[in-house]
């Protein structure tokens, strides 16, 4: 018996050189699938491509900085000429730690850090999905996915800009889902908890329910294939962040005031 035809045959993923992006690329890789992978680190992206090609996928690589609106639009336009997109996953993201000063007291994120986090995590996602939406609307079908985070459910002292950028992406995606439904376009917001990636590897604190990237990618693929609007996991941590949004703000403030700071990344 032949293997079933994949639902998504033309897939674009940003931030695909490592972590969750790389894991999703490998998860979707199979015969009959065209993967369009982008990142800034081409050496690592080539290694991901080799793994995907070994599974039978047709892989196209592009060096891309999602902060560039023009680069992103050109990338999506090129993809659609080769194989009209079924699925685009705006996954590129960064974090920057608040760090601490010499006395050990947490210091604030610099304005440059905050601006860069939003430039990549939020505006970079918009730069990716906007041209894809335009192309999908003309065909009357397609699927848009954005990697937000459970961190977007509540601002935490350890990483306020990261939380805020993911909250903006989550809320935008939820609204976009209803807006694009009449055009035949599905929208999914991906909200993982802690996943084993380079980004979390620098954390010097215990991360509850830490999950392997490959397992997270399987959960995401299952959710996308079922057209889920919100793909949030793991469930115990989802319940925890939901609870934080229901408790009195003064109580949550006291509970999270001493949240561990994320180390500054280079």
C-alpha atoms as a PDB file:
ATOM      1  CA  UNK A   1       0.000   0.000   0.000  1.00  0.00           C
ATOM      2  CA  UNK A   2       1.405   3.405  -0.978  1.00  0.00           C
ATOM      3  CA  UNK A   3       1.862   6.133   1.621  1.00  0.00           C
ATOM      4  CA  UNK A   4      -0.938   8.730   1.816  1.00  0.00           C
ATOM      5  CA  UNK A   5      -0.332  11.989  -0.025  1.00  0.00           C
ATOM      6  CA  UNK A   6       0.743  14.741   2.398  1.00  0.00           C
ATOM      7  CA  UNK A   7      -1.822  17.459   3.054  1.00  0.00           C
ATOM      8  CA  UNK A   8       0.819  20.185   2.756  1.00  0.00           C
ATOM      9  CA  UNK A   9       2.973  19.783  -0.351  1.00  0.00           C
ATOM     10  CA  UNK A  10       4.554  23.246  -0.523  1.00  0.00           C
ATOM     11  CA  UNK A  11       5.756  24.557   2.837  1.00  0.00           C
ATOM     12  CA  UNK A  12       7.766  27.640   3.791  1.00  0.00           C
ATOM     13  CA  UNK A  13       9.428  27.891   7.209  1.00  0.00           C
ATOM     14  CA  UNK A  14      11.451  30.814   8.558  1.00  0.00           C
ATOM     15  CA  UNK A  15      14.062  30.353  11.252  1.00  0.00           C
ATOM     16  CA  UNK A  16      14.581  26.799  10.003  1.00  0.00           C
ATOM     17  CA  UNK A  17      18.295  26.437  10.738  1.00  0.00           C
ATOM     18  CA  UNK A  18      17.921  25.250  14.311  1.00  0.00           C
ATOM     19  CA  UNK A  19      15.592  24.497  17.194  1.00  0.00           C
ATOM     20  CA  UNK A  20      11.895  24.197  16.565  1.00  0.00           C
ATOM     21  CA  UNK A  21      12.157  25.449  12.981  1.00  0.00           C
ATOM     22  CA  UNK A  22      14.624  22.705  12.072  1.00  0.00           C
ATOM     23  CA  UNK A  23      12.513  20.100  13.863  1.00  0.00           C
ATOM     24  CA  UNK A  24       9.390  21.169  11.960  1.00  0.00           C
ATOM     25  CA  UNK A  25      11.261  20.987   8.660  1.00  0.00           C
ATOM     26  CA  UNK A  26      12.322  17.411   9.415  1.00  0.00           C
ATOM     27  CA  UNK A  27       8.833  16.491  10.593  1.00  0.00           C
ATOM     28  CA  UNK A  28       7.201  17.667   7.356  1.00  0.00           C
ATOM     29  CA  UNK A  29       9.930  16.284   5.093  1.00  0.00           C
ATOM     30  CA  UNK A  30       8.764  13.403   2.919  1.00  0.00           C
ATOM     31  CA  UNK A  31       8.489  12.362  -0.699  1.00  0.00           C
ATOM     32  CA  UNK A  32       6.267  14.707  -2.671  1.00  0.00           C
ATOM     33  CA  UNK A  33       6.864  17.679  -0.335  1.00  0.00           C
ATOM     34  CA  UNK A  34       8.693  20.847  -1.355  1.00  0.00           C
ATOM     35  CA  UNK A  35      10.272  22.617   1.599  1.00  0.00           C
ATOM     36  CA  UNK A  36      11.310  26.247   1.323  1.00  0.00           C
ATOM     37  CA  UNK A  37      13.559  26.929   4.295  1.00  0.00           C
ATOM     38  CA  UNK A  38      15.071  30.243   5.301  1.00  0.00           C
ATOM     39  CA  UNK A  39      17.404  31.501   8.013  1.00  0.00           C
ATOM     40  CA  UNK A  40      20.430  33.735   8.451  1.00  0.00           C
ATOM     41  CA  UNK A  41      22.839  30.891   9.284  1.00  0.00           C
ATOM     42  CA  UNK A  42      23.314  29.061   5.984  1.00  0.00           C
ATOM     43  CA  UNK A  43      25.827  26.547   7.367  1.00  0.00           C
ATOM     44  CA  UNK A  44      23.300  25.200   9.845  1.00  0.00           C
ATOM     45  CA  UNK A  45      20.487  25.487   7.301  1.00  0.00           C
ATOM     46  CA  UNK A  46      22.406  23.275   4.867  1.00  0.00           C
ATOM     47  CA  UNK A  47      22.707  20.576   7.536  1.00  0.00           C
ATOM     48  CA  UNK A  48      18.933  20.673   8.091  1.00  0.00           C
ATOM     49  CA  UNK A  49      18.412  20.476   4.331  1.00  0.00           C
ATOM     50  CA  UNK A  50      20.528  17.323   4.106  1.00  0.00           C
ATOM     51  CA  UNK A  51      18.367  15.613   6.719  1.00  0.00           C
ATOM     52  CA  UNK A  52      15.177  16.646   4.921  1.00  0.00           C
ATOM     53  CA  UNK A  53      16.433  15.511   1.522  1.00  0.00           C
ATOM     54  CA  UNK A  54      17.332  12.141   3.036  1.00  0.00           C
ATOM     55  CA  UNK A  55      13.635  11.752   3.831  1.00  0.00           C
ATOM     56  CA  UNK A  56      12.688  12.455   0.216  1.00  0.00           C
ATOM     57  CA  UNK A  57      11.760  16.129   0.345  1.00  0.00           C
ATOM     58  CA  UNK A  58      12.605  18.631  -2.367  1.00  0.00           C
ATOM     59  CA  UNK A  59      14.408  21.405  -0.459  1.00  0.00           C
ATOM     60  CA  UNK A  60      15.065  25.029  -1.432  1.00  0.00           C
ATOM     61  CA  UNK A  61      17.223  27.244   0.804  1.00  0.00           C
ATOM     62  CA  UNK A  62      17.335  31.016   1.134  1.00  0.00           C
ATOM     63  CA  UNK A  63      19.427  33.294   3.317  1.00  0.00           C
ATOM     64  CA  UNK A  64      16.829  35.633   4.757  1.00  0.00           C
ATOM     65  CA  UNK A  65      16.565  38.331   7.390  1.00  0.00           C
ATOM     66  CA  UNK A  66      12.847  38.527   8.174  1.00  0.00           C
ATOM     67  CA  UNK A  67      13.284  42.089   9.373  1.00  0.00           C
ATOM     68  CA  UNK A  68      13.545  43.068   5.711  1.00  0.00           C
ATOM     69  CA  UNK A  69      10.086  43.544   4.202  1.00  0.00           C
ATOM     70  CA  UNK A  70      11.467  43.516   0.660  1.00  0.00           C
ATOM     71  CA  UNK A  71      13.541  40.353   1.138  1.00  0.00           C
ATOM     72  CA  UNK A  72      10.602  38.526   2.676  1.00  0.00           C
ATOM     73  CA  UNK A  73       8.184  39.558  -0.075  1.00  0.00           C
ATOM     74  CA  UNK A  74      10.634  38.505  -2.776  1.00  0.00           C
ATOM     75  CA  UNK A  75      11.131  35.131  -1.069  1.00  0.00           C
ATOM     76  CA  UNK A  76       7.398  34.414  -0.934  1.00  0.00           C
ATOM     77  CA  UNK A  77       6.935  35.587  -4.530  1.00  0.00           C
ATOM     78  CA  UNK A  78       9.707  33.250  -5.708  1.00  0.00           C
ATOM     79  CA  UNK A  79       8.207  30.312  -3.827  1.00  0.00           C
ATOM     80  CA  UNK A  80       4.787  30.821  -5.363  1.00  0.00           C
ATOM     81  CA  UNK A  81       6.289  30.779  -8.849  1.00  0.00           C
ATOM     82  CA  UNK A  82       7.903  27.404  -8.119  1.00  0.00           C
ATOM     83  CA  UNK A  83       5.152  25.700  -6.114  1.00  0.00           C
ATOM     84  CA  UNK A  84       2.146  27.698  -4.806  1.00  0.00           C
ATOM     85  CA  UNK A  85       2.303  27.688  -1.021  1.00  0.00           C
ATOM     86  CA  UNK A  86       0.027  25.399   0.970  1.00  0.00           C
ATOM     87  CA  UNK A  87       1.524  26.353   4.338  1.00  0.00           C
ATOM     88  CA  UNK A  88       3.779  29.123   5.610  1.00  0.00           C
ATOM     89  CA  UNK A  89       5.141  28.986   9.151  1.00  0.00           C
ATOM     90  CA  UNK A  90       6.447  32.308  10.465  1.00  0.00           C
ATOM     91  CA  UNK A  91       8.774  30.787  13.020  1.00  0.00           C
ATOM     92  CA  UNK A  92      11.856  33.050  13.179  1.00  0.00           C
ATOM     93  CA  UNK A  93      12.293  34.454  16.664  1.00  0.00           C
ATOM     94  CA  UNK A  94      14.839  35.728  19.147  1.00  0.00           C
ATOM     95  CA  UNK A  95      15.047  36.553  22.822  1.00  0.00           C
ATOM     96  CA  UNK A  96      17.383  38.787  24.783  1.00  0.00           C
ATOM     97  CA  UNK A  97      18.021  38.581  28.484  1.00  0.00           C
ATOM     98  CA  UNK A  98      17.645  41.308  31.026  1.00  0.00           C
ATOM     99  CA  UNK A  99      20.844  40.008  32.582  1.00  0.00           C
ATOM    100  CA  UNK A 100      21.990  41.697  35.772  1.00  0.00           C
ATOM    101  CA  UNK A 101      24.381  44.315  37.028  1.00  0.00           C
ATOM    102  CA  UNK A 102      27.458  43.768  39.136  1.00  0.00           C
ATOM    103  CA  UNK A 103      25.434  43.767  42.350  1.00  0.00           C
ATOM    104  CA  UNK A 104      23.264  40.972  41.004  1.00  0.00           C
ATOM    105  CA  UNK A 105      20.180  43.148  40.649  1.00  0.00           C
ATOM    106  CA  UNK A 106      18.186  42.573  37.490  1.00  0.00           C
ATOM    107  CA  UNK A 107      18.706  45.312  34.920  1.00  0.00           C
ATOM    108  CA  UNK A 108      16.238  46.470  32.314  1.00  0.00           C
ATOM    109  CA  UNK A 109      16.254  45.389  28.693  1.00  0.00           C
ATOM    110  CA  UNK A 110      17.892  48.070  26.601  1.00  0.00           C
ATOM    111  CA  UNK A 111      15.762  49.960  24.063  1.00  0.00           C
ATOM    112  CA  UNK A 112      17.802  48.367  21.271  1.00  0.00           C
ATOM    113  CA  UNK A 113      17.046  44.883  22.619  1.00  0.00           C
ATOM    114  CA  UNK A 114      13.325  45.617  22.812  1.00  0.00           C
ATOM    115  CA  UNK A 115      13.208  47.042  19.299  1.00  0.00           C
ATOM    116  CA  UNK A 116      15.120  44.110  17.825  1.00  0.00           C
ATOM    117  CA  UNK A 117      12.926  41.530  19.559  1.00  0.00           C
ATOM    118  CA  UNK A 118       9.795  43.133  18.116  1.00  0.00           C
ATOM    119  CA  UNK A 119      11.465  43.594  14.720  1.00  0.00           C
ATOM    120  CA  UNK A 120      12.092  39.848  14.439  1.00  0.00           C
ATOM    121  CA  UNK A 121       9.317  38.233  16.476  1.00  0.00           C
ATOM    122  CA  UNK A 122       6.392  40.392  15.410  1.00  0.00           C
ATOM    123  CA  UNK A 123       7.257  42.518  12.389  1.00  0.00           C
ATOM    124  CA  UNK A 124       9.321  39.677  10.921  1.00  0.00           C
ATOM    125  CA  UNK A 125       6.249  37.446  11.106  1.00  0.00           C
ATOM    126  CA  UNK A 126       4.129  40.122   9.404  1.00  0.00           C
ATOM    127  CA  UNK A 127       6.742  40.498   6.671  1.00  0.00           C
ATOM    128  CA  UNK A 128       6.498  36.748   6.081  1.00  0.00           C
ATOM    129  CA  UNK A 129       2.759  36.181   6.169  1.00  0.00           C
ATOM    130  CA  UNK A 130       1.475  39.347   4.466  1.00  0.00           C
ATOM    131  CA  UNK A 131       2.696  38.477   0.947  1.00  0.00           C
ATOM    132  CA  UNK A 132       1.640  34.857   1.524  1.00  0.00           C
ATOM    133  CA  UNK A 133      -1.888  35.969   2.427  1.00  0.00           C
ATOM    134  CA  UNK A 134      -2.092  38.009  -0.757  1.00  0.00           C
ATOM    135  CA  UNK A 135      -1.099  35.018  -2.889  1.00  0.00           C
ATOM    136  CA  UNK A 136      -3.332  32.563  -1.017  1.00  0.00           C
ATOM    137  CA  UNK A 137      -6.343  34.896  -1.253  1.00  0.00           C
ATOM    138  CA  UNK A 138      -6.122  34.830  -5.038  1.00  0.00           C
ATOM    139  CA  UNK A 139      -6.287  31.007  -4.980  1.00  0.00           C
ATOM    140  CA  UNK A 140      -8.886  30.841  -2.226  1.00  0.00           C
ATOM    141  CA  UNK A 141      -6.890  28.434  -0.078  1.00  0.00           C
ATOM    142  CA  UNK A 142      -3.818  28.117   2.105  1.00  0.00           C
ATOM    143  CA  UNK A 143      -2.681  27.926   5.706  1.00  0.00           C
ATOM    144  CA  UNK A 144      -0.854  30.546   7.784  1.00  0.00           C
ATOM    145  CA  UNK A 145       0.914  29.560  11.012  1.00  0.00           C
ATOM    146  CA  UNK A 146       2.790  31.748  13.490  1.00  0.00           C
ATOM    147  CA  UNK A 147       5.042  30.598  16.310  1.00  0.00           C
ATOM    148  CA  UNK A 148       4.016  32.549  19.394  1.00  0.00           C
ATOM    149  CA  UNK A 149       4.547  31.147  22.902  1.00  0.00           C
ATOM    150  CA  UNK A 150       2.872  30.358  26.202  1.00  0.00           C
ATOM    151  CA  UNK A 151       4.996  33.301  27.383  1.00  0.00           C
ATOM    152  CA  UNK A 152       2.559  35.486  25.465  1.00  0.00           C
ATOM    153  CA  UNK A 153      -0.257  34.786  27.928  1.00  0.00           C
ATOM    154  CA  UNK A 154       1.234  36.955  30.679  1.00  0.00           C
ATOM    155  CA  UNK A 155       4.119  39.405  30.940  1.00  0.00           C
ATOM    156  CA  UNK A 156       6.912  38.124  33.186  1.00  0.00           C
ATOM    157  CA  UNK A 157       9.660  40.249  34.745  1.00  0.00           C
ATOM    158  CA  UNK A 158      12.422  37.995  33.405  1.00  0.00           C
ATOM    159  CA  UNK A 159      11.658  38.714  29.730  1.00  0.00           C
ATOM    160  CA  UNK A 160       9.074  41.489  29.232  1.00  0.00           C
ATOM    161  CA  UNK A 161       9.842  42.258  25.578  1.00  0.00           C
ATOM    162  CA  UNK A 162       9.828  38.598  24.561  1.00  0.00           C
ATOM    163  CA  UNK A 163       6.493  38.047  26.326  1.00  0.00           C
ATOM    164  CA  UNK A 164       5.034  41.171  24.755  1.00  0.00           C
ATOM    165  CA  UNK A 165       6.173  40.308  21.223  1.00  0.00           C
ATOM    166  CA  UNK A 166       4.658  36.831  21.488  1.00  0.00           C
ATOM    167  CA  UNK A 167       1.460  38.233  23.005  1.00  0.00           C
ATOM    168  CA  UNK A 168       1.108  40.592  20.048  1.00  0.00           C
ATOM    169  CA  UNK A 169       1.641  37.736  17.603  1.00  0.00           C
ATOM    170  CA  UNK A 170      -0.813  35.469  19.417  1.00  0.00           C
ATOM    171  CA  UNK A 171      -3.548  38.103  19.535  1.00  0.00           C
ATOM    172  CA  UNK A 172      -3.002  39.154  15.933  1.00  0.00           C
ATOM    173  CA  UNK A 173      -3.192  35.562  14.734  1.00  0.00           C
ATOM    174  CA  UNK A 174      -6.383  34.894  16.670  1.00  0.00           C
ATOM    175  CA  UNK A 175      -8.053  37.890  15.050  1.00  0.00           C
ATOM    176  CA  UNK A 176      -6.623  37.067  11.635  1.00  0.00           C
ATOM    177  CA  UNK A 177      -8.132  33.574  11.781  1.00  0.00           C
ATOM    178  CA  UNK A 178     -11.664  34.975  11.682  1.00  0.00           C
ATOM    179  CA  UNK A 179     -10.791  37.655   9.169  1.00  0.00           C
ATOM    180  CA  UNK A 180      -9.291  35.233   6.636  1.00  0.00           C
ATOM    181  CA  UNK A 181     -11.796  32.397   7.021  1.00  0.00           C
ATOM    182  CA  UNK A 182     -14.114  33.751   4.273  1.00  0.00           C
ATOM    183  CA  UNK A 183     -11.117  33.777   1.900  1.00  0.00           C
ATOM    184  CA  UNK A 184     -10.545  30.063   2.483  1.00  0.00           C
ATOM    185  CA  UNK A 185      -7.318  30.606   4.447  1.00  0.00           C
ATOM    186  CA  UNK A 186      -6.727  28.772   7.730  1.00  0.00           C
ATOM    187  CA  UNK A 187      -4.721  30.447  10.488  1.00  0.00           C
ATOM    188  CA  UNK A 188      -3.008  28.719  13.407  1.00  0.00           C
ATOM    189  CA  UNK A 189      -1.185  30.250  16.356  1.00  0.00           C
ATOM    190  CA  UNK A 190       1.478  27.956  17.823  1.00  0.00           C
ATOM    191  CA  UNK A 191       2.084  28.458  21.548  1.00  0.00           C
ATOM    192  CA  UNK A 192       4.765  26.097  22.876  1.00  0.00           C
ATOM    193  CA  UNK A 193       6.086  25.988  26.397  1.00  0.00           C
ATOM    194  CA  UNK A 194       9.763  25.255  27.008  1.00  0.00           C
ATOM    195  CA  UNK A 195      11.343  23.376  24.088  1.00  0.00           C
ATOM    196  CA  UNK A 196      14.956  22.181  23.952  1.00  0.00           C
ATOM    197  CA  UNK A 197      16.602  24.684  21.578  1.00  0.00           C
ATOM    198  CA  UNK A 198      19.631  26.971  21.478  1.00  0.00           C
ATOM    199  CA  UNK A 199      17.393  29.706  22.860  1.00  0.00           C
ATOM    200  CA  UNK A 200      16.477  27.768  25.991  1.00  0.00           C
ATOM    201  CA  UNK A 201      19.910  26.166  26.398  1.00  0.00           C
ATOM    202  CA  UNK A 202      21.289  29.376  27.944  1.00  0.00           C
ATOM    203  CA  UNK A 203      18.625  29.469  30.646  1.00  0.00           C
ATOM    204  CA  UNK A 204      20.167  28.953  34.051  1.00  0.00           C
ATOM    205  CA  UNK A 205      16.872  28.062  35.714  1.00  0.00           C
ATOM    206  CA  UNK A 206      14.704  24.970  35.860  1.00  0.00           C
ATOM    207  CA  UNK A 207      12.241  24.845  32.964  1.00  0.00           C
ATOM    208  CA  UNK A 208       9.067  22.910  33.801  1.00  0.00           C
ATOM    209  CA  UNK A 209       7.834  20.333  31.287  1.00  0.00           C
ATOM    210  CA  UNK A 210      10.848  20.886  29.012  1.00  0.00           C
ATOM    211  CA  UNK A 211      10.137  19.096  25.723  1.00  0.00           C
ATOM    212  CA  UNK A 212      12.298  17.712  22.931  1.00  0.00           C
ATOM    213  CA  UNK A 213      12.014  19.739  19.711  1.00  0.00           C
ATOM    214  CA  UNK A 214      11.100  16.628  17.682  1.00  0.00           C
ATOM    215  CA  UNK A 215       8.154  15.870  19.970  1.00  0.00           C
ATOM    216  CA  UNK A 216       6.987  19.483  19.799  1.00  0.00           C
ATOM    217  CA  UNK A 217       7.153  19.358  15.996  1.00  0.00           C
ATOM    218  CA  UNK A 218       4.908  16.286  15.923  1.00  0.00           C
ATOM    219  CA  UNK A 219       2.325  18.045  18.092  1.00  0.00           C
ATOM    220  CA  UNK A 220       2.454  21.083  15.821  1.00  0.00           C
ATOM    221  CA  UNK A 221       2.077  19.039  12.652  1.00  0.00           C
ATOM    222  CA  UNK A 222      -0.924  17.198  14.091  1.00  0.00           C
ATOM    223  CA  UNK A 223      -2.554  20.489  15.061  1.00  0.00           C
ATOM    224  CA  UNK A 224      -1.937  22.071  11.667  1.00  0.00           C
ATOM    225  CA  UNK A 225      -3.321  19.067   9.809  1.00  0.00           C
ATOM    226  CA  UNK A 226      -6.467  19.317  11.945  1.00  0.00           C
ATOM    227  CA  UNK A 227      -6.673  23.060  11.217  1.00  0.00           C
ATOM    228  CA  UNK A 228      -6.564  24.003  14.897  1.00  0.00           C
ATOM    229  CA  UNK A 229      -6.647  27.719  15.592  1.00  0.00           C
ATOM    230  CA  UNK A 230      -4.453  27.498  18.674  1.00  0.00           C
ATOM    231  CA  UNK A 231      -1.830  24.804  19.132  1.00  0.00           C
ATOM    232  CA  UNK A 232      -0.764  25.239  22.757  1.00  0.00           C
ATOM    233  CA  UNK A 233       1.234  22.700  24.738  1.00  0.00           C
ATOM    234  CA  UNK A 234       2.117  21.033  27.062  1.00  0.00           C
ATOM    235  CA  UNK A 235      -1.302  20.959  28.733  1.00  0.00           C
ATOM    236  CA  UNK A 236      -0.094  21.271  32.356  1.00  0.00           C
ATOM    237  CA  UNK A 237       1.854  24.410  31.510  1.00  0.00           C
ATOM    238  CA  UNK A 238      -1.028  25.776  29.431  1.00  0.00           C
ATOM    239  CA  UNK A 239      -3.246  25.370  32.486  1.00  0.00           C
ATOM    240  CA  UNK A 240      -0.642  27.156  34.602  1.00  0.00           C
ATOM    241  CA  UNK A 241      -0.391  30.220  32.362  1.00  0.00           C
ATOM    242  CA  UNK A 242      -4.171  30.284  31.958  1.00  0.00           C
ATOM    243  CA  UNK A 243      -4.470  30.343  35.750  1.00  0.00           C
ATOM    244  CA  UNK A 244      -2.114  33.318  35.889  1.00  0.00           C
ATOM    245  CA  UNK A 245      -4.476  35.245  33.620  1.00  0.00           C
ATOM    246  CA  UNK A 246      -7.451  34.585  35.928  1.00  0.00           C
ATOM    247  CA  UNK A 247      -5.871  35.429  39.288  1.00  0.00           C
ATOM    248  CA  UNK A 248      -5.898  39.003  40.671  1.00  0.00           C
ATOM    249  CA  UNK A 249      -3.151  41.071  39.092  1.00  0.00           C
ATOM    250  CA  UNK A 250      -1.643  42.077  42.439  1.00  0.00           C
ATOM    251  CA  UNK A 251      -1.237  38.421  43.399  1.00  0.00           C
ATOM    252  CA  UNK A 252       0.309  37.479  40.037  1.00  0.00           C
ATOM    253  CA  UNK A 253       2.662  40.442  40.318  1.00  0.00           C
ATOM    254  CA  UNK A 254       3.947  39.160  43.660  1.00  0.00           C
ATOM    255  CA  UNK A 255       4.232  35.598  42.357  1.00  0.00           C
ATOM    256  CA  UNK A 256       6.244  36.585  39.269  1.00  0.00           C
ATOM    257  CA  UNK A 257       8.229  39.525  40.629  1.00  0.00           C
ATOM    258  CA  UNK A 258      11.314  37.377  41.193  1.00  0.00           C
ATOM    259  CA  UNK A 259      11.047  35.390  37.979  1.00  0.00           C
ATOM    260  CA  UNK A 260      14.555  34.306  36.871  1.00  0.00           C
ATOM    261  CA  UNK A 261      16.172  36.566  34.303  1.00  0.00           C
ATOM    262  CA  UNK A 262      17.152  35.137  30.966  1.00  0.00           C
ATOM    263  CA  UNK A 263      20.908  35.557  30.340  1.00  0.00           C
ATOM    264  CA  UNK A 264      21.791  38.098  27.668  1.00  0.00           C
ATOM    265  CA  UNK A 265      22.540  36.375  24.358  1.00  0.00           C
ATOM    266  CA  UNK A 266      25.262  37.337  21.905  1.00  0.00           C
END
